[in-house]
Amino acid sequence: MKFTFKPLPTLILAFCLSLGLCLPVTGVMAAMKTDLNTATIEQLEAVKGIGHDTAQNILDYKKEHGNFTSMDELEAVSGVGKVRLNALNEAFTVEQTKESHKKTSMK
């Protein structure tokens, strides 16, 4: 069996695949985010710019203050500034739970 290369279908397929990589897929990306309140130290450290110390500070803060109610609450964690907060926002989300609703209503 002889294979014949057809450049046009191959180019169309390559174009479609590359277009899919270039377009933002926010719905899918949001679904891929991990809940910050269930994140492990390994998941936190996997984020570019987040080292062991910052990841541990996040877990320590959560242990002391309870679940995060929003991503903005990370600004209170030692070692998390605007740049790291942006990186964490791309990888994590905060799911609203009964505990976080209680915490919000107590403020």
PDB file of N, CA and C in Angstrom:
ATOM      1  N   MET A   1       0.843  -1.168   0.000  1.00  0.00           N
ATOM      2  CA  MET A   1       0.000   0.000   0.000  1.00  0.00           C
ATOM      3  C   MET A   1       0.892   1.237   0.000  1.00  0.00           C
ATOM      4  N   LYS A   2       0.637   2.102  -0.927  1.00  0.00           N
ATOM      5  CA  LYS A   2       1.447   3.305  -1.058  1.00  0.00           C
ATOM      6  C   LYS A   2       0.679   4.495  -0.471  1.00  0.00           C
ATOM      7  N   PHE A   3       1.354   5.266   0.360  1.00  0.00           N
ATOM      8  CA  PHE A   3       0.749   6.441   0.983  1.00  0.00           C
ATOM      9  C   PHE A   3       1.084   7.667   0.149  1.00  0.00           C
ATOM     10  N   THR A   4       0.068   8.444  -0.171  1.00  0.00           N
ATOM     11  CA  THR A   4       0.314   9.683  -0.907  1.00  0.00           C
ATOM     12  C   THR A   4       0.024  10.863   0.001  1.00  0.00           C
ATOM     13  N   PHE A   5       0.946  11.759   0.040  1.00  0.00           N
ATOM     14  CA  PHE A   5       0.840  12.954   0.881  1.00  0.00           C
ATOM     15  C   PHE A   5      -0.014  13.998   0.171  1.00  0.00           C
ATOM     16  N   LYS A   6      -1.019  14.487   0.881  1.00  0.00           N
ATOM     17  CA  LYS A   6      -1.885  15.530   0.335  1.00  0.00           C
ATOM     18  C   LYS A   6      -1.689  16.778   1.191  1.00  0.00           C
ATOM     19  N   PRO A   7      -0.981  17.777   0.674  1.00  0.00           N
ATOM     20  CA  PRO A   7      -0.614  18.930   1.491  1.00  0.00           C
ATOM     21  C   PRO A   7      -1.792  19.801   1.923  1.00  0.00           C
ATOM     22  N   LEU A   8      -2.799  19.978   1.094  1.00  0.00           N
ATOM     23  CA  LEU A   8      -3.889  20.883   1.453  1.00  0.00           C
ATOM     24  C   LEU A   8      -4.674  20.400   2.682  1.00  0.00           C
ATOM     25  N   PRO A   9      -5.138  19.160   2.733  1.00  0.00           N
ATOM     26  CA  PRO A   9      -5.843  18.710   3.943  1.00  0.00           C
ATOM     27  C   PRO A   9      -4.958  18.758   5.186  1.00  0.00           C
ATOM     28  N   THR A  10      -3.690  18.472   5.002  1.00  0.00           N
ATOM     29  CA  THR A  10      -2.754  18.513   6.128  1.00  0.00           C
ATOM     30  C   THR A  10      -2.599  19.942   6.643  1.00  0.00           C
ATOM     31  N   LEU A  11      -2.490  20.888   5.725  1.00  0.00           N
ATOM     32  CA  LEU A  11      -2.372  22.293   6.124  1.00  0.00           C
ATOM     33  C   LEU A  11      -3.645  22.790   6.807  1.00  0.00           C
ATOM     34  N   ILE A  12      -4.787  22.387   6.300  1.00  0.00           N
ATOM     35  CA  ILE A  12      -6.062  22.789   6.913  1.00  0.00           C
ATOM     36  C   ILE A  12      -6.156  22.227   8.326  1.00  0.00           C
ATOM     37  N   LEU A  13      -5.799  20.964   8.508  1.00  0.00           N
ATOM     38  CA  LEU A  13      -5.812  20.352   9.830  1.00  0.00           C
ATOM     39  C   LEU A  13      -4.848  21.076  10.766  1.00  0.00           C
ATOM     40  N   ALA A  14      -3.646  21.368  10.301  1.00  0.00           N
ATOM     41  CA  ALA A  14      -2.656  22.077  11.118  1.00  0.00           C
ATOM     42  C   ALA A  14      -3.165  23.461  11.510  1.00  0.00           C
ATOM     43  N   PHE A  15      -3.799  24.148  10.565  1.00  0.00           N
ATOM     44  CA  PHE A  15      -4.346  25.476  10.846  1.00  0.00           C
ATOM     45  C   PHE A  15      -5.440  25.397  11.907  1.00  0.00           C
ATOM     46  N   CYS A  16      -6.340  24.448  11.773  1.00  0.00           N
ATOM     47  CA  CYS A  16      -7.434  24.304  12.740  1.00  0.00           C
ATOM     48  C   CYS A  16      -6.905  23.986  14.129  1.00  0.00           C
ATOM     49  N   LEU A  17      -5.927  23.106  14.207  1.00  0.00           N
ATOM     50  CA  LEU A  17      -5.345  22.761  15.500  1.00  0.00           C
ATOM     51  C   LEU A  17      -4.626  23.960  16.127  1.00  0.00           C
ATOM     52  N   SER A  18      -3.884  24.699  15.330  1.00  0.00           N
ATOM     53  CA  SER A  18      -3.174  25.853  15.877  1.00  0.00           C
ATOM     54  C   SER A  18      -4.147  26.956  16.283  1.00  0.00           C
ATOM     55  N   LEU A  19      -5.229  27.103  15.551  1.00  0.00           N
ATOM     56  CA  LEU A  19      -6.236  28.096  15.903  1.00  0.00           C
ATOM     57  C   LEU A  19      -6.853  27.766  17.255  1.00  0.00           C
ATOM     58  N   GLY A  20      -7.084  26.503  17.492  1.00  0.00           N
ATOM     59  CA  GLY A  20      -7.634  26.074  18.779  1.00  0.00           C
ATOM     60  C   GLY A  20      -6.700  26.383  19.933  1.00  0.00           C
ATOM     61  N   LEU A  21      -5.406  26.340  19.690  1.00  0.00           N
ATOM     62  CA  LEU A  21      -4.439  26.645  20.740  1.00  0.00           C
ATOM     63  C   LEU A  21      -4.317  28.144  20.982  1.00  0.00           C
ATOM     64  N   CYS A  22      -4.651  28.954  19.994  1.00  0.00           N
ATOM     65  CA  CYS A  22      -4.495  30.399  20.109  1.00  0.00           C
ATOM     66  C   CYS A  22      -5.712  31.080  20.725  1.00  0.00           C
ATOM     67  N   LEU A  23      -6.872  30.519  20.535  1.00  0.00           N
ATOM     68  CA  LEU A  23      -8.089  31.158  21.036  1.00  0.00           C
ATOM     69  C   LEU A  23      -8.283  30.864  22.517  1.00  0.00           C
ATOM     70  N   PRO A  24      -8.695  31.850  23.290  1.00  0.00           N
ATOM     71  CA  PRO A  24      -8.941  31.580  24.701  1.00  0.00           C
ATOM     72  C   PRO A  24     -10.181  30.722  24.878  1.00  0.00           C
ATOM     73  N   VAL A  25     -10.075  29.763  25.748  1.00  0.00           N
ATOM     74  CA  VAL A  25     -11.197  28.887  26.043  1.00  0.00           C
ATOM     75  C   VAL A  25     -11.485  29.045  27.526  1.00  0.00           C
ATOM     76  N   THR A  26     -12.080  30.163  27.888  1.00  0.00           N
ATOM     77  CA  THR A  26     -12.234  30.508  29.295  1.00  0.00           C
ATOM     78  C   THR A  26     -13.123  29.539  30.044  1.00  0.00           C
ATOM     79  N   GLY A  27     -14.168  29.073  29.434  1.00  0.00           N
ATOM     80  CA  GLY A  27     -15.054  28.133  30.118  1.00  0.00           C
ATOM     81  C   GLY A  27     -14.343  26.845  30.471  1.00  0.00           C
ATOM     82  N   VAL A  28     -13.580  26.320  29.528  1.00  0.00           N
ATOM     83  CA  VAL A  28     -12.835  25.098  29.768  1.00  0.00           C
ATOM     84  C   VAL A  28     -11.731  25.354  30.778  1.00  0.00           C
ATOM     85  N   MET A  29     -11.051  26.483  30.651  1.00  0.00           N
ATOM     86  CA  MET A  29      -9.968  26.801  31.575  1.00  0.00           C
ATOM     87  C   MET A  29     -10.498  26.965  32.996  1.00  0.00           C
ATOM     88  N   ALA A  30     -11.646  27.588  33.151  1.00  0.00           N
ATOM     89  CA  ALA A  30     -12.224  27.749  34.482  1.00  0.00           C
ATOM     90  C   ALA A  30     -12.563  26.398  35.079  1.00  0.00           C
ATOM     91  N   ALA A  31     -13.032  25.491  34.251  1.00  0.00           N
ATOM     92  CA  ALA A  31     -13.374  24.160  34.741  1.00  0.00           C
ATOM     93  C   ALA A  31     -12.121  23.386  35.147  1.00  0.00           C
ATOM     94  N   MET A  32     -10.979  23.748  34.590  1.00  0.00           N
ATOM     95  CA  MET A  32      -9.740  23.050  34.894  1.00  0.00           C
ATOM     96  C   MET A  32      -9.074  23.578  36.159  1.00  0.00           C
ATOM     97  N   LYS A  33      -9.522  24.695  36.676  1.00  0.00           N
ATOM     98  CA  LYS A  33      -8.906  25.271  37.861  1.00  0.00           C
ATOM     99  C   LYS A  33      -9.211  24.418  39.090  1.00  0.00           C
ATOM    100  N   THR A  34      -8.250  24.385  39.986  1.00  0.00           N
ATOM    101  CA  THR A  34      -8.387  23.651  41.237  1.00  0.00           C
ATOM    102  C   THR A  34      -8.906  24.599  42.313  1.00  0.00           C
ATOM    103  N   ASP A  35      -9.730  24.080  43.195  1.00  0.00           N
ATOM    104  CA  ASP A  35     -10.211  24.884  44.310  1.00  0.00           C
ATOM    105  C   ASP A  35      -9.042  25.139  45.260  1.00  0.00           C
ATOM    106  N   LEU A  36      -8.783  26.384  45.551  1.00  0.00           N
ATOM    107  CA  LEU A  36      -7.683  26.768  46.428  1.00  0.00           C
ATOM    108  C   LEU A  36      -7.810  26.117  47.804  1.00  0.00           C
ATOM    109  N   ASN A  37      -9.033  25.936  48.268  1.00  0.00           N
ATOM    110  CA  ASN A  37      -9.255  25.378  49.601  1.00  0.00           C
ATOM    111  C   ASN A  37      -8.948  23.887  49.689  1.00  0.00           C
ATOM    112  N   THR A  38      -8.813  23.218  48.555  1.00  0.00           N
ATOM    113  CA  THR A  38      -8.469  21.798  48.568  1.00  0.00           C
ATOM    114  C   THR A  38      -7.085  21.546  47.976  1.00  0.00           C
ATOM    115  N   ALA A  39      -6.386  22.596  47.596  1.00  0.00           N
ATOM    116  CA  ALA A  39      -5.077  22.461  46.951  1.00  0.00           C
ATOM    117  C   ALA A  39      -4.035  21.896  47.913  1.00  0.00           C
ATOM    118  N   THR A  40      -3.186  21.046  47.365  1.00  0.00           N
ATOM    119  CA  THR A  40      -2.074  20.495  48.133  1.00  0.00           C
ATOM    120  C   THR A  40      -0.850  21.389  47.952  1.00  0.00           C
ATOM    121  N   ILE A  41       0.147  21.159  48.761  1.00  0.00           N
ATOM    122  CA  ILE A  41       1.370  21.944  48.641  1.00  0.00           C
ATOM    123  C   ILE A  41       2.011  21.706  47.274  1.00  0.00           C
ATOM    124  N   GLU A  42       1.904  20.489  46.756  1.00  0.00           N
ATOM    125  CA  GLU A  42       2.476  20.176  45.443  1.00  0.00           C
ATOM    126  C   GLU A  42       1.761  20.953  44.331  1.00  0.00           C
ATOM    127  N   GLN A  43       0.435  21.064  44.436  1.00  0.00           N
ATOM    128  CA  GLN A  43      -0.322  21.815  43.432  1.00  0.00           C
ATOM    129  C   GLN A  43       0.021  23.301  43.496  1.00  0.00           C
ATOM    130  N   LEU A  44       0.203  23.830  44.691  1.00  0.00           N
ATOM    131  CA  LEU A  44       0.571  25.238  44.831  1.00  0.00           C
ATOM    132  C   LEU A  44       1.966  25.494  44.273  1.00  0.00           C
ATOM    133  N   GLU A  45       2.901  24.609  44.594  1.00  0.00           N
ATOM    134  CA  GLU A  45       4.279  24.771  44.122  1.00  0.00           C
ATOM    135  C   GLU A  45       4.393  24.619  42.605  1.00  0.00           C
ATOM    136  N   ALA A  46       3.439  23.955  41.983  1.00  0.00           N
ATOM    137  CA  ALA A  46       3.478  23.748  40.536  1.00  0.00           C
ATOM    138  C   ALA A  46       3.217  25.040  39.767  1.00  0.00           C
ATOM    139  N   VAL A  47       2.696  26.060  40.443  1.00  0.00           N
ATOM    140  CA  VAL A  47       2.421  27.344  39.804  1.00  0.00           C
ATOM    141  C   VAL A  47       3.733  28.116  39.676  1.00  0.00           C
ATOM    142  N   LYS A  48       3.990  28.615  38.473  1.00  0.00           N
ATOM    143  CA  LYS A  48       5.225  29.363  38.232  1.00  0.00           C
ATOM    144  C   LYS A  48       5.301  30.559  39.180  1.00  0.00           C
ATOM    145  N   GLY A  49       6.424  30.689  39.884  1.00  0.00           N
ATOM    146  CA  GLY A  49       6.631  31.803  40.803  1.00  0.00           C
ATOM    147  C   GLY A  49       6.234  31.501  42.240  1.00  0.00           C
ATOM    148  N   ILE A  50       5.655  30.321  42.473  1.00  0.00           N
ATOM    149  CA  ILE A  50       5.260  29.942  43.833  1.00  0.00           C
ATOM    150  C   ILE A  50       6.220  28.854  44.306  1.00  0.00           C
ATOM    151  N   GLY A  51       7.027  29.225  45.275  1.00  0.00           N
ATOM    152  CA  GLY A  51       7.975  28.264  45.825  1.00  0.00           C
ATOM    153  C   GLY A  51       7.404  27.575  47.056  1.00  0.00           C
ATOM    154  N   HIS A  52       8.235  26.766  47.674  1.00  0.00           N
ATOM    155  CA  HIS A  52       7.803  25.999  48.847  1.00  0.00           C
ATOM    156  C   HIS A  52       7.346  26.910  49.988  1.00  0.00           C
ATOM    157  N   ASP A  53       8.115  27.970  50.256  1.00  0.00           N
ATOM    158  CA  ASP A  53       7.774  28.847  51.383  1.00  0.00           C
ATOM    159  C   ASP A  53       6.419  29.531  51.188  1.00  0.00           C
ATOM    160  N   THR A  54       6.176  30.056  50.001  1.00  0.00           N
ATOM    161  CA  THR A  54       4.901  30.728  49.737  1.00  0.00           C
ATOM    162  C   THR A  54       3.755  29.724  49.790  1.00  0.00           C
ATOM    163  N   ALA A  55       3.957  28.548  49.210  1.00  0.00           N
ATOM    164  CA  ALA A  55       2.920  27.511  49.255  1.00  0.00           C
ATOM    165  C   ALA A  55       2.604  27.140  50.707  1.00  0.00           C
ATOM    166  N   GLN A  56       3.638  26.997  51.521  1.00  0.00           N
ATOM    167  CA  GLN A  56       3.431  26.660  52.934  1.00  0.00           C
ATOM    168  C   GLN A  56       2.725  27.799  53.663  1.00  0.00           C
ATOM    169  N   ASN A  57       3.076  29.055  53.342  1.00  0.00           N
ATOM    170  CA  ASN A  57       2.401  30.203  53.955  1.00  0.00           C
ATOM    171  C   ASN A  57       0.909  30.208  53.631  1.00  0.00           C
ATOM    172  N   ILE A  58       0.556  29.817  52.401  1.00  0.00           N
ATOM    173  CA  ILE A  58      -0.852  29.765  52.002  1.00  0.00           C
ATOM    174  C   ILE A  58      -1.587  28.713  52.827  1.00  0.00           C
ATOM    175  N   LEU A  59      -0.973  27.539  52.969  1.00  0.00           N
ATOM    176  CA  LEU A  59      -1.606  26.475  53.748  1.00  0.00           C
ATOM    177  C   LEU A  59      -1.701  26.840  55.230  1.00  0.00           C
ATOM    178  N   ASP A  60      -0.661  27.491  55.758  1.00  0.00           N
ATOM    179  CA  ASP A  60      -0.683  27.920  57.156  1.00  0.00           C
ATOM    180  C   ASP A  60      -1.768  28.960  57.399  1.00  0.00           C
ATOM    181  N   TYR A  61      -1.903  29.899  56.469  1.00  0.00           N
ATOM    182  CA  TYR A  61      -2.934  30.937  56.580  1.00  0.00           C
ATOM    183  C   TYR A  61      -4.323  30.288  56.582  1.00  0.00           C
ATOM    184  N   LYS A  62      -4.528  29.335  55.687  1.00  0.00           N
ATOM    185  CA  LYS A  62      -5.818  28.645  55.606  1.00  0.00           C
ATOM    186  C   LYS A  62      -6.099  27.882  56.893  1.00  0.00           C
ATOM    187  N   LYS A  63      -5.079  27.248  57.446  1.00  0.00           N
ATOM    188  CA  LYS A  63      -5.242  26.486  58.692  1.00  0.00           C
ATOM    189  C   LYS A  63      -5.629  27.413  59.844  1.00  0.00           C
ATOM    190  N   GLU A  64      -5.032  28.603  59.881  1.00  0.00           N
ATOM    191  CA  GLU A  64      -5.287  29.560  60.961  1.00  0.00           C
ATOM    192  C   GLU A  64      -6.613  30.305  60.794  1.00  0.00           C
ATOM    193  N   HIS A  65      -6.970  30.659  59.553  1.00  0.00           N
ATOM    194  CA  HIS A  65      -8.133  31.508  59.306  1.00  0.00           C
ATOM    195  C   HIS A  65      -9.334  30.786  58.704  1.00  0.00           C
ATOM    196  N   GLY A  66      -9.169  29.527  58.330  1.00  0.00           N
ATOM    197  CA  GLY A  66     -10.248  28.788  57.682  1.00  0.00           C
ATOM    198  C   GLY A  66     -10.175  28.942  56.175  1.00  0.00           C
ATOM    199  N   ASN A  67     -11.166  28.373  55.492  1.00  0.00           N
ATOM    200  CA  ASN A  67     -11.180  28.400  54.029  1.00  0.00           C
ATOM    201  C   ASN A  67     -11.184  29.819  53.490  1.00  0.00           C
ATOM    202  N   PHE A  68     -10.574  29.963  52.322  1.00  0.00           N
ATOM    203  CA  PHE A  68     -10.584  31.247  51.632  1.00  0.00           C
ATOM    204  C   PHE A  68     -11.991  31.498  51.092  1.00  0.00           C
ATOM    205  N   THR A  69     -12.423  32.738  51.166  1.00  0.00           N
ATOM    206  CA  THR A  69     -13.729  33.101  50.623  1.00  0.00           C
ATOM    207  C   THR A  69     -13.606  33.756  49.256  1.00  0.00           C
ATOM    208  N   SER A  70     -12.395  34.237  48.924  1.00  0.00           N
ATOM    209  CA  SER A  70     -12.138  34.809  47.596  1.00  0.00           C
ATOM    210  C   SER A  70     -10.640  34.742  47.333  1.00  0.00           C
ATOM    211  N   MET A  71     -10.291  34.852  46.074  1.00  0.00           N
ATOM    212  CA  MET A  71      -8.882  34.839  45.709  1.00  0.00           C
ATOM    213  C   MET A  71      -8.165  36.081  46.240  1.00  0.00           C
ATOM    214  N   ASP A  72      -8.889  37.180  46.365  1.00  0.00           N
ATOM    215  CA  ASP A  72      -8.286  38.419  46.866  1.00  0.00           C
ATOM    216  C   ASP A  72      -7.778  38.278  48.298  1.00  0.00           C
ATOM    217  N   GLU A  73      -8.320  37.352  49.032  1.00  0.00           N
ATOM    218  CA  GLU A  73      -7.885  37.122  50.410  1.00  0.00           C
ATOM    219  C   GLU A  73      -6.434  36.666  50.475  1.00  0.00           C
ATOM    220  N   LEU A  74      -5.915  36.154  49.371  1.00  0.00           N
ATOM    221  CA  LEU A  74      -4.514  35.722  49.325  1.00  0.00           C
ATOM    222  C   LEU A  74      -3.538  36.870  49.555  1.00  0.00           C
ATOM    223  N   GLU A  75      -3.988  38.101  49.307  1.00  0.00           N
ATOM    224  CA  GLU A  75      -3.096  39.251  49.508  1.00  0.00           C
ATOM    225  C   GLU A  75      -2.660  39.378  50.971  1.00  0.00           C
ATOM    226  N   ALA A  76      -3.407  38.772  51.878  1.00  0.00           N
ATOM    227  CA  ALA A  76      -3.054  38.813  53.293  1.00  0.00           C
ATOM    228  C   ALA A  76      -1.989  37.779  53.653  1.00  0.00           C
ATOM    229  N   VAL A  77      -1.664  36.893  52.737  1.00  0.00           N
ATOM    230  CA  VAL A  77      -0.681  35.843  52.981  1.00  0.00           C
ATOM    231  C   VAL A  77       0.718  36.396  52.725  1.00  0.00           C
ATOM    232  N   SER A  78       1.612  36.124  53.654  1.00  0.00           N
ATOM    233  CA  SER A  78       2.998  36.561  53.523  1.00  0.00           C
ATOM    234  C   SER A  78       3.626  35.971  52.264  1.00  0.00           C
ATOM    235  N   GLY A  79       4.201  36.821  51.431  1.00  0.00           N
ATOM    236  CA  GLY A  79       4.868  36.371  50.215  1.00  0.00           C
ATOM    237  C   GLY A  79       4.001  36.419  48.968  1.00  0.00           C
ATOM    238  N   VAL A  80       2.731  36.773  49.128  1.00  0.00           N
ATOM    239  CA  VAL A  80       1.840  36.857  47.961  1.00  0.00           C
ATOM    240  C   VAL A  80       1.576  38.319  47.667  1.00  0.00           C
ATOM    241  N   GLY A  81       2.169  38.780  46.572  1.00  0.00           N
ATOM    242  CA  GLY A  81       1.913  40.130  46.089  1.00  0.00           C
ATOM    243  C   GLY A  81       1.072  40.056  44.833  1.00  0.00           C
ATOM    244  N   LYS A  82       1.008  41.149  44.113  1.00  0.00           N
ATOM    245  CA  LYS A  82       0.166  41.201  42.915  1.00  0.00           C
ATOM    246  C   LYS A  82       0.590  40.201  41.843  1.00  0.00           C
ATOM    247  N   VAL A  83       1.897  40.042  41.627  1.00  0.00           N
ATOM    248  CA  VAL A  83       2.383  39.128  40.588  1.00  0.00           C
ATOM    249  C   VAL A  83       2.023  37.684  40.937  1.00  0.00           C
ATOM    250  N   ARG A  84       2.287  37.289  42.165  1.00  0.00           N
ATOM    251  CA  ARG A  84       1.963  35.920  42.572  1.00  0.00           C
ATOM    252  C   ARG A  84       0.455  35.706  42.631  1.00  0.00           C
ATOM    253  N   LEU A  85      -0.278  36.726  43.027  1.00  0.00           N
ATOM    254  CA  LEU A  85      -1.734  36.616  43.058  1.00  0.00           C
ATOM    255  C   LEU A  85      -2.272  36.378  41.647  1.00  0.00           C
ATOM    256  N   ASN A  86      -1.731  37.075  40.667  1.00  0.00           N
ATOM    257  CA  ASN A  86      -2.148  36.869  39.270  1.00  0.00           C
ATOM    258  C   ASN A  86      -1.851  35.441  38.816  1.00  0.00           C
ATOM    259  N   ALA A  87      -0.681  34.935  39.167  1.00  0.00           N
ATOM    260  CA  ALA A  87      -0.314  33.562  38.789  1.00  0.00           C
ATOM    261  C   ALA A  87      -1.252  32.561  39.451  1.00  0.00           C
ATOM    262  N   LEU A  88      -1.565  32.787  40.710  1.00  0.00           N
ATOM    263  CA  LEU A  88      -2.474  31.885  41.424  1.00  0.00           C
ATOM    264  C   LEU A  88      -3.895  31.965  40.867  1.00  0.00           C
ATOM    265  N   ASN A  89      -4.312  33.162  40.455  1.00  0.00           N
ATOM    266  CA  ASN A  89      -5.646  33.333  39.872  1.00  0.00           C
ATOM    267  C   ASN A  89      -5.819  32.519  38.599  1.00  0.00           C
ATOM    268  N   GLU A  90      -4.739  32.308  37.867  1.00  0.00           N
ATOM    269  CA  GLU A  90      -4.818  31.534  36.630  1.00  0.00           C
ATOM    270  C   GLU A  90      -4.941  30.043  36.892  1.00  0.00           C
ATOM    271  N   ALA A  91      -4.483  29.579  38.043  1.00  0.00           N
ATOM    272  CA  ALA A  91      -4.472  28.144  38.325  1.00  0.00           C
ATOM    273  C   ALA A  91      -5.555  27.692  39.304  1.00  0.00           C
ATOM    274  N   PHE A  92      -6.030  28.620  40.127  1.00  0.00           N
ATOM    275  CA  PHE A  92      -6.954  28.236  41.191  1.00  0.00           C
ATOM    276  C   PHE A  92      -8.216  29.083  41.180  1.00  0.00           C
ATOM    277  N   THR A  93      -9.205  28.585  41.867  1.00  0.00           N
ATOM    278  CA  THR A  93     -10.456  29.295  42.087  1.00  0.00           C
ATOM    279  C   THR A  93     -10.877  29.037  43.521  1.00  0.00           C
ATOM    280  N   VAL A  94     -11.818  29.805  44.017  1.00  0.00           N
ATOM    281  CA  VAL A  94     -12.353  29.564  45.355  1.00  0.00           C
ATOM    282  C   VAL A  94     -13.815  29.174  45.189  1.00  0.00           C
ATOM    283  N   GLU A  95     -14.101  27.941  45.524  1.00  0.00           N
ATOM    284  CA  GLU A  95     -15.480  27.454  45.470  1.00  0.00           C
ATOM    285  C   GLU A  95     -16.199  27.925  46.723  1.00  0.00           C
ATOM    286  N   GLN A  96     -17.415  28.372  46.553  1.00  0.00           N
ATOM    287  CA  GLN A  96     -18.212  28.799  47.705  1.00  0.00           C
ATOM    288  C   GLN A  96     -18.783  27.569  48.397  1.00  0.00           C
ATOM    289  N   THR A  97     -18.425  27.402  49.666  1.00  0.00           N
ATOM    290  CA  THR A  97     -18.909  26.288  50.462  1.00  0.00           C
ATOM    291  C   THR A  97     -19.723  26.820  51.618  1.00  0.00           C
ATOM    292  N   LYS A  98     -20.334  25.940  52.363  1.00  0.00           N
ATOM    293  CA  LYS A  98     -21.102  26.366  53.539  1.00  0.00           C
ATOM    294  C   LYS A  98     -20.190  27.107  54.512  1.00  0.00           C
ATOM    295  N   GLU A  99     -18.969  26.605  54.679  1.00  0.00           N
ATOM    296  CA  GLU A  99     -18.028  27.240  55.606  1.00  0.00           C
ATOM    297  C   GLU A  99     -17.660  28.643  55.148  1.00  0.00           C
ATOM    298  N   SER A 100     -17.425  28.824  53.847  1.00  0.00           N
ATOM    299  CA  SER A 100     -17.041  30.150  53.358  1.00  0.00           C
ATOM    300  C   SER A 100     -18.221  31.111  53.433  1.00  0.00           C
ATOM    301  N   HIS A 101     -19.471  30.604  53.264  1.00  0.00           N
ATOM    302  CA  HIS A 101     -20.643  31.466  53.411  1.00  0.00           C
ATOM    303  C   HIS A 101     -20.784  31.927  54.859  1.00  0.00           C
ATOM    304  N   LYS A 102     -20.522  31.039  55.810  1.00  0.00           N
ATOM    305  CA  LYS A 102     -20.573  31.401  57.235  1.00  0.00           C
ATOM    306  C   LYS A 102     -19.536  32.472  57.533  1.00  0.00           C
ATOM    307  N   LYS A 103     -18.336  32.289  57.001  1.00  0.00           N
ATOM    308  CA  LYS A 103     -17.239  33.220  57.242  1.00  0.00           C
ATOM    309  C   LYS A 103     -17.581  34.601  56.684  1.00  0.00           C
ATOM    310  N   THR A 104     -18.183  34.636  55.488  1.00  0.00           N
ATOM    311  CA  THR A 104     -18.548  35.907  54.866  1.00  0.00           C
ATOM    312  C   THR A 104     -19.643  36.604  55.671  1.00  0.00           C
ATOM    313  N   SER A 105     -20.603  35.859  56.146  1.00  0.00           N
ATOM    314  CA  SER A 105     -21.709  36.468  56.885  1.00  0.00           C
ATOM    315  C   SER A 105     -21.291  36.942  58.270  1.00  0.00           C
ATOM    316  N   MET A 106     -20.188  36.430  58.788  1.00  0.00           N
ATOM    317  CA  MET A 106     -19.705  36.833  60.112  1.00  0.00           C
ATOM    318  C   MET A 106     -18.951  38.140  60.057  1.00  0.00           C
ATOM    319  N   LYS A 107     -18.546  38.579  58.872  1.00  0.00           N
ATOM    320  CA  LYS A 107     -17.742  39.803  58.750  1.00  0.00           C
ATOM    321  C   LYS A 107     -18.599  41.030  58.947  1.00  0.00           C
TER     322      LYS A 107
END
